[in-house]
């Protein structure tokens, strides 16, 4: 299945754009997506955290993805 992933902040810089399409096997979970992103874009390995939202809700690593899901990378946030 193809998953379209939207990115913001540092994640947008890492993928060099607003979105990227990732190919996963059917039934894969958020952890598999994170691993795929880290393989394709090694800079993600340098981040201390990387959250994923699916259909506007934060999801745990064991959440199963479907092709029509809206997936967003939530990079670490800092500021004051």
PDB file of N, CA and C in Angstrom:
ATOM      1  N   UNK A   1       0.844  -1.179   0.000  1.00  0.00           N
ATOM      2  CA  UNK A   1       0.000   0.000   0.000  1.00  0.00           C
ATOM      3  C   UNK A   1       0.879   1.229   0.000  1.00  0.00           C
ATOM      4  N   UNK A   2       0.345   2.299  -0.550  1.00  0.00           N
ATOM      5  CA  UNK A   2       1.067   3.568  -0.583  1.00  0.00           C
ATOM      6  C   UNK A   2       0.462   4.487   0.470  1.00  0.00           C
ATOM      7  N   UNK A   3       1.344   5.071   1.278  1.00  0.00           N
ATOM      8  CA  UNK A   3       0.925   5.998   2.330  1.00  0.00           C
ATOM      9  C   UNK A   3       1.511   7.364   1.998  1.00  0.00           C
ATOM     10  N   UNK A   4       0.673   8.385   1.923  1.00  0.00           N
ATOM     11  CA  UNK A   4       1.146   9.748   1.736  1.00  0.00           C
ATOM     12  C   UNK A   4       1.358  10.356   3.112  1.00  0.00           C
ATOM     13  N   UNK A   5       2.580  10.823   3.368  1.00  0.00           N
ATOM     14  CA  UNK A   5       2.949  11.339   4.676  1.00  0.00           C
ATOM     15  C   UNK A   5       3.225  12.832   4.556  1.00  0.00           C
ATOM     16  N   UNK A   6       2.538  13.626   5.377  1.00  0.00           N
ATOM     17  CA  UNK A   6       2.756  15.068   5.425  1.00  0.00           C
ATOM     18  C   UNK A   6       3.783  15.379   6.498  1.00  0.00           C
ATOM     19  N   UNK A   7       4.586  16.413   6.283  1.00  0.00           N
ATOM     20  CA  UNK A   7       5.642  16.760   7.222  1.00  0.00           C
ATOM     21  C   UNK A   7       5.629  18.250   7.527  1.00  0.00           C
ATOM     22  N   UNK A   8       6.032  18.562   8.756  1.00  0.00           N
ATOM     23  CA  UNK A   8       6.132  19.946   9.209  1.00  0.00           C
ATOM     24  C   UNK A   8       7.440  20.139   9.954  1.00  0.00           C
ATOM     25  N   UNK A   9       7.857  21.397  10.119  1.00  0.00           N
ATOM     26  CA  UNK A   9       9.054  21.698  10.893  1.00  0.00           C
ATOM     27  C   UNK A   9      10.286  21.027  10.315  1.00  0.00           C
ATOM     28  N   UNK A  10      11.125  20.490  11.211  1.00  0.00           N
ATOM     29  CA  UNK A  10      12.367  19.843  10.804  1.00  0.00           C
ATOM     30  C   UNK A  10      12.110  18.632   9.909  1.00  0.00           C
ATOM     31  N   UNK A  11      10.989  17.955  10.098  1.00  0.00           N
ATOM     32  CA  UNK A  11      10.662  16.795   9.262  1.00  0.00           C
ATOM     33  C   UNK A  11      10.502  17.222   7.800  1.00  0.00           C
ATOM     34  N   UNK A  12       9.928  18.389   7.587  1.00  0.00           N
ATOM     35  CA  UNK A  12       9.756  18.921   6.227  1.00  0.00           C
ATOM     36  C   UNK A  12      11.122  19.177   5.591  1.00  0.00           C
ATOM     37  N   UNK A  13      12.063  19.689   6.397  1.00  0.00           N
ATOM     38  CA  UNK A  13      13.418  19.915   5.893  1.00  0.00           C
ATOM     39  C   UNK A  13      14.103  18.600   5.553  1.00  0.00           C
ATOM     40  N   UNK A  14      13.909  17.582   6.394  1.00  0.00           N
ATOM     41  CA  UNK A  14      14.565  16.287   6.186  1.00  0.00           C
ATOM     42  C   UNK A  14      14.101  15.630   4.893  1.00  0.00           C
ATOM     43  N   UNK A  15      12.795  15.671   4.614  1.00  0.00           N
ATOM     44  CA  UNK A  15      12.304  15.022   3.387  1.00  0.00           C
ATOM     45  C   UNK A  15      12.375  15.953   2.174  1.00  0.00           C
ATOM     46  N   UNK A  16      12.797  17.200   2.444  1.00  0.00           N
ATOM     47  CA  UNK A  16      12.961  18.190   1.375  1.00  0.00           C
ATOM     48  C   UNK A  16      11.650  18.467   0.644  1.00  0.00           C
ATOM     49  N   UNK A  17      10.581  18.650   1.435  1.00  0.00           N
ATOM     50  CA  UNK A  17       9.284  18.949   0.856  1.00  0.00           C
ATOM     51  C   UNK A  17       8.171  18.797   1.870  1.00  0.00           C
ATOM     52  N   UNK A  18       6.951  19.064   1.452  1.00  0.00           N
ATOM     53  CA  UNK A  18       5.788  19.000   2.333  1.00  0.00           C
ATOM     54  C   UNK A  18       5.278  17.585   2.539  1.00  0.00           C
ATOM     55  N   UNK A  19       5.515  16.696   1.555  1.00  0.00           N
ATOM     56  CA  UNK A  19       4.997  15.331   1.689  1.00  0.00           C
ATOM     57  C   UNK A  19       5.890  14.344   0.952  1.00  0.00           C
ATOM     58  N   UNK A  20       5.714  13.079   1.332  1.00  0.00           N
ATOM     59  CA  UNK A  20       6.452  11.998   0.686  1.00  0.00           C
ATOM     60  C   UNK A  20       5.540  10.777   0.661  1.00  0.00           C
ATOM     61  N   UNK A  21       5.651   9.985  -0.387  1.00  0.00           N
ATOM     62  CA  UNK A  21       4.879   8.751  -0.480  1.00  0.00           C
ATOM     63  C   UNK A  21       5.772   7.580  -0.083  1.00  0.00           C
ATOM     64  N   UNK A  22       5.270   6.770   0.856  1.00  0.00           N
ATOM     65  CA  UNK A  22       6.012   5.615   1.354  1.00  0.00           C
ATOM     66  C   UNK A  22       5.236   4.350   0.996  1.00  0.00           C
ATOM     67  N   UNK A  23       5.947   3.371   0.479  1.00  0.00           N
ATOM     68  CA  UNK A  23       5.341   2.088   0.128  1.00  0.00           C
ATOM     69  C   UNK A  23       5.525   1.125   1.295  1.00  0.00           C
ATOM     70  N   UNK A  24       4.418   0.572   1.793  1.00  0.00           N
ATOM     71  CA  UNK A  24       4.415  -0.411   2.874  1.00  0.00           C
ATOM     72  C   UNK A  24       3.564  -1.604   2.472  1.00  0.00           C
ATOM     73  N   UNK A  25       3.836  -2.740   3.080  1.00  0.00           N
ATOM     74  CA  UNK A  25       2.985  -3.904   2.866  1.00  0.00           C
ATOM     75  C   UNK A  25       1.651  -3.678   3.577  1.00  0.00           C
ATOM     76  N   UNK A  26       0.582  -4.260   3.055  1.00  0.00           N
ATOM     77  CA  UNK A  26      -0.732  -4.141   3.684  1.00  0.00           C
ATOM     78  C   UNK A  26      -0.665  -4.607   5.133  1.00  0.00           C
ATOM     79  N   UNK A  27      -1.364  -3.887   6.004  1.00  0.00           N
ATOM     80  CA  UNK A  27      -1.442  -4.272   7.403  1.00  0.00           C
ATOM     81  C   UNK A  27      -0.273  -3.824   8.261  1.00  0.00           C
ATOM     82  N   UNK A  28       0.643  -3.037   7.706  1.00  0.00           N
ATOM     83  CA  UNK A  28       1.793  -2.586   8.478  1.00  0.00           C
ATOM     84  C   UNK A  28       1.353  -1.534   9.496  1.00  0.00           C
ATOM     85  N   UNK A  29       2.191  -1.326  10.504  1.00  0.00           N
ATOM     86  CA  UNK A  29       1.841  -0.409  11.586  1.00  0.00           C
ATOM     87  C   UNK A  29       2.713   0.844  11.572  1.00  0.00           C
ATOM     88  N   UNK A  30       2.453   1.726  12.536  1.00  0.00           N
ATOM     89  CA  UNK A  30       3.185   2.988  12.635  1.00  0.00           C
ATOM     90  C   UNK A  30       4.684   2.740  12.817  1.00  0.00           C
ATOM     91  N   UNK A  31       5.054   1.732  13.614  1.00  0.00           N
ATOM     92  CA  UNK A  31       6.472   1.421  13.811  1.00  0.00           C
ATOM     93  C   UNK A  31       7.154   1.081  12.488  1.00  0.00           C
ATOM     94  N   UNK A  32       6.464   0.345  11.629  1.00  0.00           N
ATOM     95  CA  UNK A  32       7.011   0.005  10.313  1.00  0.00           C
ATOM     96  C   UNK A  32       7.190   1.257   9.466  1.00  0.00           C
ATOM     97  N   UNK A  33       6.250   2.173   9.566  1.00  0.00           N
ATOM     98  CA  UNK A  33       6.354   3.437   8.836  1.00  0.00           C
ATOM     99  C   UNK A  33       7.562   4.225   9.327  1.00  0.00           C
ATOM    100  N   UNK A  34       7.734   4.320  10.645  1.00  0.00           N
ATOM    101  CA  UNK A  34       8.897   5.035  11.199  1.00  0.00           C
ATOM    102  C   UNK A  34      10.201   4.414  10.710  1.00  0.00           C
ATOM    103  N   UNK A  35      10.273   3.093  10.720  1.00  0.00           N
ATOM    104  CA  UNK A  35      11.480   2.397  10.255  1.00  0.00           C
ATOM    105  C   UNK A  35      11.749   2.701   8.784  1.00  0.00           C
ATOM    106  N   UNK A  36      10.689   2.702   7.979  1.00  0.00           N
ATOM    107  CA  UNK A  36      10.827   3.004   6.559  1.00  0.00           C
ATOM    108  C   UNK A  36      11.310   4.438   6.347  1.00  0.00           C
ATOM    109  N   UNK A  37      10.757   5.364   7.115  1.00  0.00           N
ATOM    110  CA  UNK A  37      11.195   6.759   7.019  1.00  0.00           C
ATOM    111  C   UNK A  37      12.665   6.908   7.406  1.00  0.00           C
ATOM    112  N   UNK A  38      13.080   6.223   8.472  1.00  0.00           N
ATOM    113  CA  UNK A  38      14.472   6.298   8.920  1.00  0.00           C
ATOM    114  C   UNK A  38      15.426   5.677   7.907  1.00  0.00           C
ATOM    115  N   UNK A  39      14.988   4.629   7.221  1.00  0.00           N
ATOM    116  CA  UNK A  39      15.822   4.013   6.178  1.00  0.00           C
ATOM    117  C   UNK A  39      15.959   4.927   4.973  1.00  0.00           C
ATOM    118  N   UNK A  40      14.852   5.540   4.586  1.00  0.00           N
ATOM    119  CA  UNK A  40      14.858   6.399   3.409  1.00  0.00           C
ATOM    120  C   UNK A  40      15.508   7.751   3.687  1.00  0.00           C
ATOM    121  N   UNK A  41      15.327   8.252   4.914  1.00  0.00           N
ATOM    122  CA  UNK A  41      15.859   9.551   5.315  1.00  0.00           C
ATOM    123  C   UNK A  41      16.613   9.387   6.642  1.00  0.00           C
ATOM    124  N   UNK A  42      17.901   9.007   6.600  1.00  0.00           N
ATOM    125  CA  UNK A  42      18.664   8.719   7.822  1.00  0.00           C
ATOM    126  C   UNK A  42      18.699   9.867   8.835  1.00  0.00           C
ATOM    127  N   UNK A  43      18.464  11.080   8.423  1.00  0.00           N
ATOM    128  CA  UNK A  43      18.456  12.217   9.356  1.00  0.00           C
ATOM    129  C   UNK A  43      17.388  12.049  10.442  1.00  0.00           C
ATOM    130  N   UNK A  44      16.318  11.294  10.170  1.00  0.00           N
ATOM    131  CA  UNK A  44      15.298  11.054  11.186  1.00  0.00           C
ATOM    132  C   UNK A  44      15.874  10.321  12.397  1.00  0.00           C
ATOM    133  N   UNK A  45      16.929   9.530  12.197  1.00  0.00           N
ATOM    134  CA  UNK A  45      17.556   8.809  13.299  1.00  0.00           C
ATOM    135  C   UNK A  45      18.183   9.752  14.324  1.00  0.00           C
ATOM    136  N   UNK A  46      18.478  10.980  13.936  1.00  0.00           N
ATOM    137  CA  UNK A  46      19.101  11.955  14.836  1.00  0.00           C
ATOM    138  C   UNK A  46      18.090  12.652  15.746  1.00  0.00           C
ATOM    139  N   UNK A  47      16.807  12.547  15.435  1.00  0.00           N
ATOM    140  CA  UNK A  47      15.778  13.191  16.256  1.00  0.00           C
ATOM    141  C   UNK A  47      15.554  12.387  17.524  1.00  0.00           C
ATOM    142  N   UNK A  48      15.339  13.081  18.645  1.00  0.00           N
ATOM    143  CA  UNK A  48      15.147  12.357  19.905  1.00  0.00           C
ATOM    144  C   UNK A  48      13.760  11.751  20.014  1.00  0.00           C
ATOM    145  N   UNK A  49      12.814  12.264  19.227  1.00  0.00           N
ATOM    146  CA  UNK A  49      11.477  11.672  19.199  1.00  0.00           C
ATOM    147  C   UNK A  49      10.844  11.962  17.842  1.00  0.00           C
ATOM    148  N   UNK A  50       9.888  11.134  17.507  1.00  0.00           N
ATOM    149  CA  UNK A  50       9.164  11.292  16.245  1.00  0.00           C
ATOM    150  C   UNK A  50       7.774  10.703  16.454  1.00  0.00           C
ATOM    151  N   UNK A  51       6.787  11.584  16.539  1.00  0.00           N
ATOM    152  CA  UNK A  51       5.412  11.131  16.740  1.00  0.00           C
ATOM    153  C   UNK A  51       4.696  11.086  15.389  1.00  0.00           C
ATOM    154  N   UNK A  52       3.696  10.243  15.322  1.00  0.00           N
ATOM    155  CA  UNK A  52       2.901  10.096  14.103  1.00  0.00           C
ATOM    156  C   UNK A  52       1.431  10.308  14.454  1.00  0.00           C
ATOM    157  N   UNK A  53       0.763  11.138  13.667  1.00  0.00           N
ATOM    158  CA  UNK A  53      -0.684  11.310  13.789  1.00  0.00           C
ATOM    159  C   UNK A  53      -1.329  10.669  12.564  1.00  0.00           C
ATOM    160  N   UNK A  54      -2.389   9.929  12.803  1.00  0.00           N
ATOM    161  CA  UNK A  54      -3.140   9.292  11.720  1.00  0.00           C
ATOM    162  C   UNK A  54      -4.574   9.767  11.832  1.00  0.00           C
ATOM    163  N   UNK A  55      -5.059  10.360  10.740  1.00  0.00           N
ATOM    164  CA  UNK A  55      -6.423  10.908  10.721  1.00  0.00           C
ATOM    165  C   UNK A  55      -6.658  11.846  11.907  1.00  0.00           C
ATOM    166  N   UNK A  56      -5.683  12.740  12.115  1.00  0.00           N
ATOM    167  CA  UNK A  56      -5.742  13.818  13.100  1.00  0.00           C
ATOM    168  C   UNK A  56      -5.677  13.366  14.553  1.00  0.00           C
ATOM    169  N   UNK A  57      -5.196  12.145  14.816  1.00  0.00           N
ATOM    170  CA  UNK A  57      -5.033  11.659  16.186  1.00  0.00           C
ATOM    171  C   UNK A  57      -3.662  11.014  16.335  1.00  0.00           C
ATOM    172  N   UNK A  58      -2.962  11.368  17.428  1.00  0.00           N
ATOM    173  CA  UNK A  58      -1.693  10.707  17.708  1.00  0.00           C
ATOM    174  C   UNK A  58      -1.927   9.205  17.826  1.00  0.00           C
ATOM    175  N   UNK A  59      -0.974   8.422  17.302  1.00  0.00           N
ATOM    176  CA  UNK A  59      -1.128   6.968  17.352  1.00  0.00           C
ATOM    177  C   UNK A  59       0.123   6.305  17.905  1.00  0.00           C
ATOM    178  N   UNK A  60      -0.093   5.176  18.577  1.00  0.00           N
ATOM    179  CA  UNK A  60       1.009   4.384  19.100  1.00  0.00           C
ATOM    180  C   UNK A  60       1.644   3.587  17.970  1.00  0.00           C
ATOM    181  N   UNK A  61       2.811   3.030  18.254  1.00  0.00           N
ATOM    182  CA  UNK A  61       3.567   2.299  17.236  1.00  0.00           C
ATOM    183  C   UNK A  61       2.848   1.066  16.707  1.00  0.00           C
ATOM    184  N   UNK A  62       1.940   0.500  17.486  1.00  0.00           N
ATOM    185  CA  UNK A  62       1.259  -0.722  17.038  1.00  0.00           C
ATOM    186  C   UNK A  62      -0.033  -0.458  16.253  1.00  0.00           C
ATOM    187  N   UNK A  63      -0.353   0.810  15.980  1.00  0.00           N
ATOM    188  CA  UNK A  63      -1.556   1.163  15.225  1.00  0.00           C
ATOM    189  C   UNK A  63      -1.397   0.712  13.770  1.00  0.00           C
ATOM    190  N   UNK A  64      -2.371  -0.047  13.260  1.00  0.00           N
ATOM    191  CA  UNK A  64      -2.338  -0.553  11.882  1.00  0.00           C
ATOM    192  C   UNK A  64      -2.769   0.540  10.900  1.00  0.00           C
ATOM    193  N   UNK A  65      -1.997   0.711   9.856  1.00  0.00           N
ATOM    194  CA  UNK A  65      -2.271   1.726   8.841  1.00  0.00           C
ATOM    195  C   UNK A  65      -3.083   1.146   7.687  1.00  0.00           C
ATOM    196  N   UNK A  66      -3.878   2.041   7.062  1.00  0.00           N
ATOM    197  CA  UNK A  66      -4.632   1.693   5.854  1.00  0.00           C
ATOM    198  C   UNK A  66      -4.260   2.703   4.765  1.00  0.00           C
ATOM    199  N   UNK A  67      -4.408   2.316   3.527  1.00  0.00           N
ATOM    200  CA  UNK A  67      -3.956   3.152   2.413  1.00  0.00           C
ATOM    201  C   UNK A  67      -4.588   4.547   2.404  1.00  0.00           C
ATOM    202  N   UNK A  68      -5.822   4.697   2.803  1.00  0.00           N
ATOM    203  CA  UNK A  68      -6.498   5.996   2.741  1.00  0.00           C
ATOM    204  C   UNK A  68      -6.214   6.892   3.945  1.00  0.00           C
ATOM    205  N   UNK A  69      -5.419   6.413   4.917  1.00  0.00           N
ATOM    206  CA  UNK A  69      -5.144   7.201   6.110  1.00  0.00           C
ATOM    207  C   UNK A  69      -4.385   8.478   5.791  1.00  0.00           C
ATOM    208  N   UNK A  70      -4.705   9.551   6.523  1.00  0.00           N
ATOM    209  CA  UNK A  70      -3.940  10.796   6.451  1.00  0.00           C
ATOM    210  C   UNK A  70      -2.891  10.726   7.559  1.00  0.00           C
ATOM    211  N   UNK A  71      -1.637  10.695   7.184  1.00  0.00           N
ATOM    212  CA  UNK A  71      -0.530  10.506   8.129  1.00  0.00           C
ATOM    213  C   UNK A  71       0.318  11.776   8.179  1.00  0.00           C
ATOM    214  N   UNK A  72       0.635  12.215   9.403  1.00  0.00           N
ATOM    215  CA  UNK A  72       1.429  13.418   9.606  1.00  0.00           C
ATOM    216  C   UNK A  72       2.579  13.097  10.546  1.00  0.00           C
ATOM    217  N   UNK A  73       3.796  13.544  10.182  1.00  0.00           N
ATOM    218  CA  UNK A  73       4.968  13.419  11.041  1.00  0.00           C
ATOM    219  C   UNK A  73       4.966  14.604  12.001  1.00  0.00           C
ATOM    220  N   UNK A  74       5.063  14.311  13.298  1.00  0.00           N
ATOM    221  CA  UNK A  74       5.137  15.350  14.320  1.00  0.00           C
ATOM    222  C   UNK A  74       6.552  15.321  14.902  1.00  0.00           C
ATOM    223  N   UNK A  75       7.428  16.238  14.464  1.00  0.00           N
ATOM    224  CA  UNK A  75       8.793  16.241  14.991  1.00  0.00           C
ATOM    225  C   UNK A  75       8.836  16.830  16.399  1.00  0.00           C
ATOM    226  N   UNK A  76       9.976  16.664  17.091  1.00  0.00           N
ATOM    227  CA  UNK A  76      10.083  17.267  18.418  1.00  0.00           C
ATOM    228  C   UNK A  76       9.894  18.782  18.322  1.00  0.00           C
ATOM    229  N   UNK A  77       9.286  19.359  19.346  1.00  0.00           N
ATOM    230  CA  UNK A  77       9.024  20.792  19.362  1.00  0.00           C
ATOM    231  C   UNK A  77       9.827  21.417  20.482  1.00  0.00           C
ATOM    232  N   UNK A  78      10.449  22.551  20.187  1.00  0.00           N
ATOM    233  CA  UNK A  78      11.165  23.284  21.228  1.00  0.00           C
ATOM    234  C   UNK A  78      10.789  24.752  21.123  1.00  0.00           C
ATOM    235  N   UNK A  79      11.097  25.472  22.135  1.00  0.00           N
ATOM    236  CA  UNK A  79      10.799  26.896  22.107  1.00  0.00           C
ATOM    237  C   UNK A  79      10.585  27.398  23.509  1.00  0.00           C
ATOM    238  N   UNK A  80      10.251  28.650  23.585  1.00  0.00           N
ATOM    239  CA  UNK A  80      10.095  29.199  24.925  1.00  0.00           C
ATOM    240  C   UNK A  80       9.145  30.353  24.945  1.00  0.00           C
TER     241      UNK A  80
END
